[in-house]
Amino acid sequence: MRTLTRTSTTEMEVTSIRLERSLKDKLKELSGNQGYQALIRDILWNYVHQKSGDYRPQFAASDIRATAEAVARKDESCALTGKLIQEGETMLLAFTIYGDFVPLSVESLTKE
């Protein structure tokens, strides 16, 4: 998960949320040194960015675990180069080390 700019906790509002104990325990386990509340904020910010259209993931070729050939069903943007992949164009669907599936242009992984 990408690190977001941190806001001082003194500038934050206190909000109460009820979570199942098993969910809270899993979040604590996944958060490591970050702390589960910071992890929840990261998850919520990622959701807000994705839903608002502001989300532009930044990946490097070393983040790609596997690819599969695919055909774009709508215009996409290559997660490595930003190149437009047009609807109907052959592309790669990549699985990242972060667990994301992202579109790649076919030539984006070729070595120069």
Protein backbone atom coordinates (compact mmCIF):
# COMPACT_ATOMS: atom_id res chain seq x y z
CA MET A 1 0.00 0.00 0.00
CA ARG A 2 1.33 3.43 -0.88
CA THR A 3 2.21 5.88 1.88
CA LEU A 4 0.08 8.99 1.94
CA THR A 5 1.05 12.39 3.30
CA ARG A 6 0.36 12.35 7.02
CA THR A 7 -1.78 14.93 8.77
CA SER A 8 -1.01 15.72 12.39
CA THR A 9 -3.48 13.94 14.66
CA THR A 10 -4.19 17.29 16.35
CA GLU A 11 -5.73 18.44 13.03
CA MET A 12 -8.02 15.39 12.80
CA GLU A 13 -11.56 14.94 14.07
CA VAL A 14 -12.39 12.07 16.38
CA THR A 15 -14.84 9.62 14.82
CA SER A 16 -16.25 6.50 16.40
CA ILE A 17 -16.81 3.40 14.28
CA ARG A 18 -17.97 -0.03 15.34
CA LEU A 19 -15.97 -2.94 13.92
CA GLU A 20 -16.23 -6.64 14.47
CA ARG A 21 -13.47 -7.77 16.85
CA SER A 22 -12.13 -10.19 14.21
CA LEU A 23 -11.89 -7.35 11.64
CA LYS A 24 -10.10 -5.08 14.12
CA ASP A 25 -7.68 -7.89 15.03
CA LYS A 26 -6.97 -8.56 11.34
CA LEU A 27 -6.37 -4.85 10.69
CA LYS A 28 -3.95 -4.71 13.63
CA GLU A 29 -2.15 -7.76 12.25
CA LEU A 30 -1.89 -6.29 8.74
CA SER A 31 -0.86 -2.81 9.85
CA GLY A 32 2.44 -3.78 11.50
CA ASN A 33 4.33 -0.73 12.79
CA GLN A 34 1.94 1.64 11.00
CA GLY A 35 -0.94 1.07 13.42
CA TYR A 36 -4.41 -0.03 12.42
CA GLN A 37 -5.99 3.44 12.59
CA ALA A 38 -3.46 4.77 10.07
CA LEU A 39 -4.16 1.72 7.89
CA ILE A 40 -7.91 2.43 8.03
CA ARG A 41 -7.25 6.06 6.99
CA ASP A 42 -5.10 4.85 4.05
CA ILE A 43 -7.84 2.43 2.98
CA LEU A 44 -10.49 5.15 3.20
CA TRP A 45 -8.37 7.70 1.28
CA ASN A 46 -7.65 5.12 -1.45
CA TYR A 47 -11.38 4.44 -1.73
CA VAL A 48 -12.20 8.17 -1.94
CA HIS A 49 -9.55 8.74 -4.63
CA GLN A 50 -10.76 5.77 -6.68
CA LYS A 51 -14.41 6.81 -6.50
CA SER A 52 -13.69 10.48 -7.22
CA GLY A 53 -11.64 9.73 -10.33
CA ASP A 54 -8.48 11.21 -8.78
CA TYR A 55 -6.81 7.83 -8.38
CA ARG A 56 -3.76 7.43 -10.60
CA PRO A 57 -1.71 4.48 -9.37
CA GLN A 58 2.06 4.74 -9.72
CA PHE A 59 3.76 1.44 -10.45
CA ALA A 60 7.21 0.36 -11.60
CA ALA A 61 7.93 -2.67 -13.79
CA SER A 62 9.42 -4.36 -10.72
CA ASP A 63 5.94 -4.20 -9.09
CA ILE A 64 4.46 -6.53 -11.73
CA ARG A 65 4.14 -10.19 -10.68
CA ALA A 66 2.31 -11.60 -13.70
CA THR A 67 0.49 -10.51 -16.85
CA ALA A 68 -2.21 -11.89 -19.10
CA GLU A 69 -3.14 -10.70 -22.56
CA ALA A 70 -6.48 -8.95 -22.71
CA VAL A 71 -8.56 -6.63 -24.87
CA ALA A 72 -9.58 -3.23 -23.52
CA ARG A 73 -13.36 -2.97 -23.24
CA LYS A 74 -13.09 0.78 -22.70
CA ASP A 75 -10.30 3.34 -22.93
CA GLU A 76 -7.65 2.68 -20.28
CA SER A 77 -4.41 4.29 -19.18
CA CYS A 78 -1.24 2.20 -18.87
CA ALA A 79 -0.27 2.01 -15.18
CA LEU A 80 3.45 2.19 -16.06
CA THR A 81 3.64 4.77 -18.85
CA GLY A 82 0.30 6.59 -18.74
CA LYS A 83 -0.12 5.79 -22.46
CA LEU A 84 -3.70 5.62 -23.70
CA ILE A 85 -4.95 2.10 -24.42
CA GLN A 86 -7.97 2.48 -26.68
CA GLU A 87 -11.14 0.44 -26.52
CA GLY A 88 -10.69 -2.77 -28.55
CA GLU A 89 -6.87 -2.58 -28.40
CA THR A 90 -4.79 -5.53 -27.17
CA MET A 91 -3.31 -4.83 -23.75
CA LEU A 92 -1.92 -6.66 -20.75
CA LEU A 93 -3.75 -7.11 -17.48
CA ALA A 94 -1.08 -7.11 -14.78
CA PHE A 95 -1.20 -8.44 -11.23
CA THR A 96 1.03 -6.38 -8.92
CA ILE A 97 2.92 -7.24 -5.75
CA TYR A 98 0.32 -5.09 -3.93
CA GLY A 99 -2.57 -7.26 -5.12
CA ASP A 100 -3.85 -4.77 -7.71
CA PHE A 101 -4.92 -5.66 -11.25
CA VAL A 102 -3.84 -2.86 -13.57
CA PRO A 103 -3.92 -2.25 -17.34
CA LEU A 104 -0.60 -2.13 -19.22
CA SER A 105 0.17 -1.27 -22.80
CA VAL A 106 1.72 -4.24 -24.61
CA GLU A 107 5.06 -2.48 -25.12
CA SER A 108 5.34 -1.13 -21.55
CA LEU A 109 7.32 -4.12 -20.25
CA THR A 110 9.70 -4.49 -23.19
CA LYS A 111 13.38 -3.90 -22.37
CA GLU A 112 15.16 -1.28 -24.44
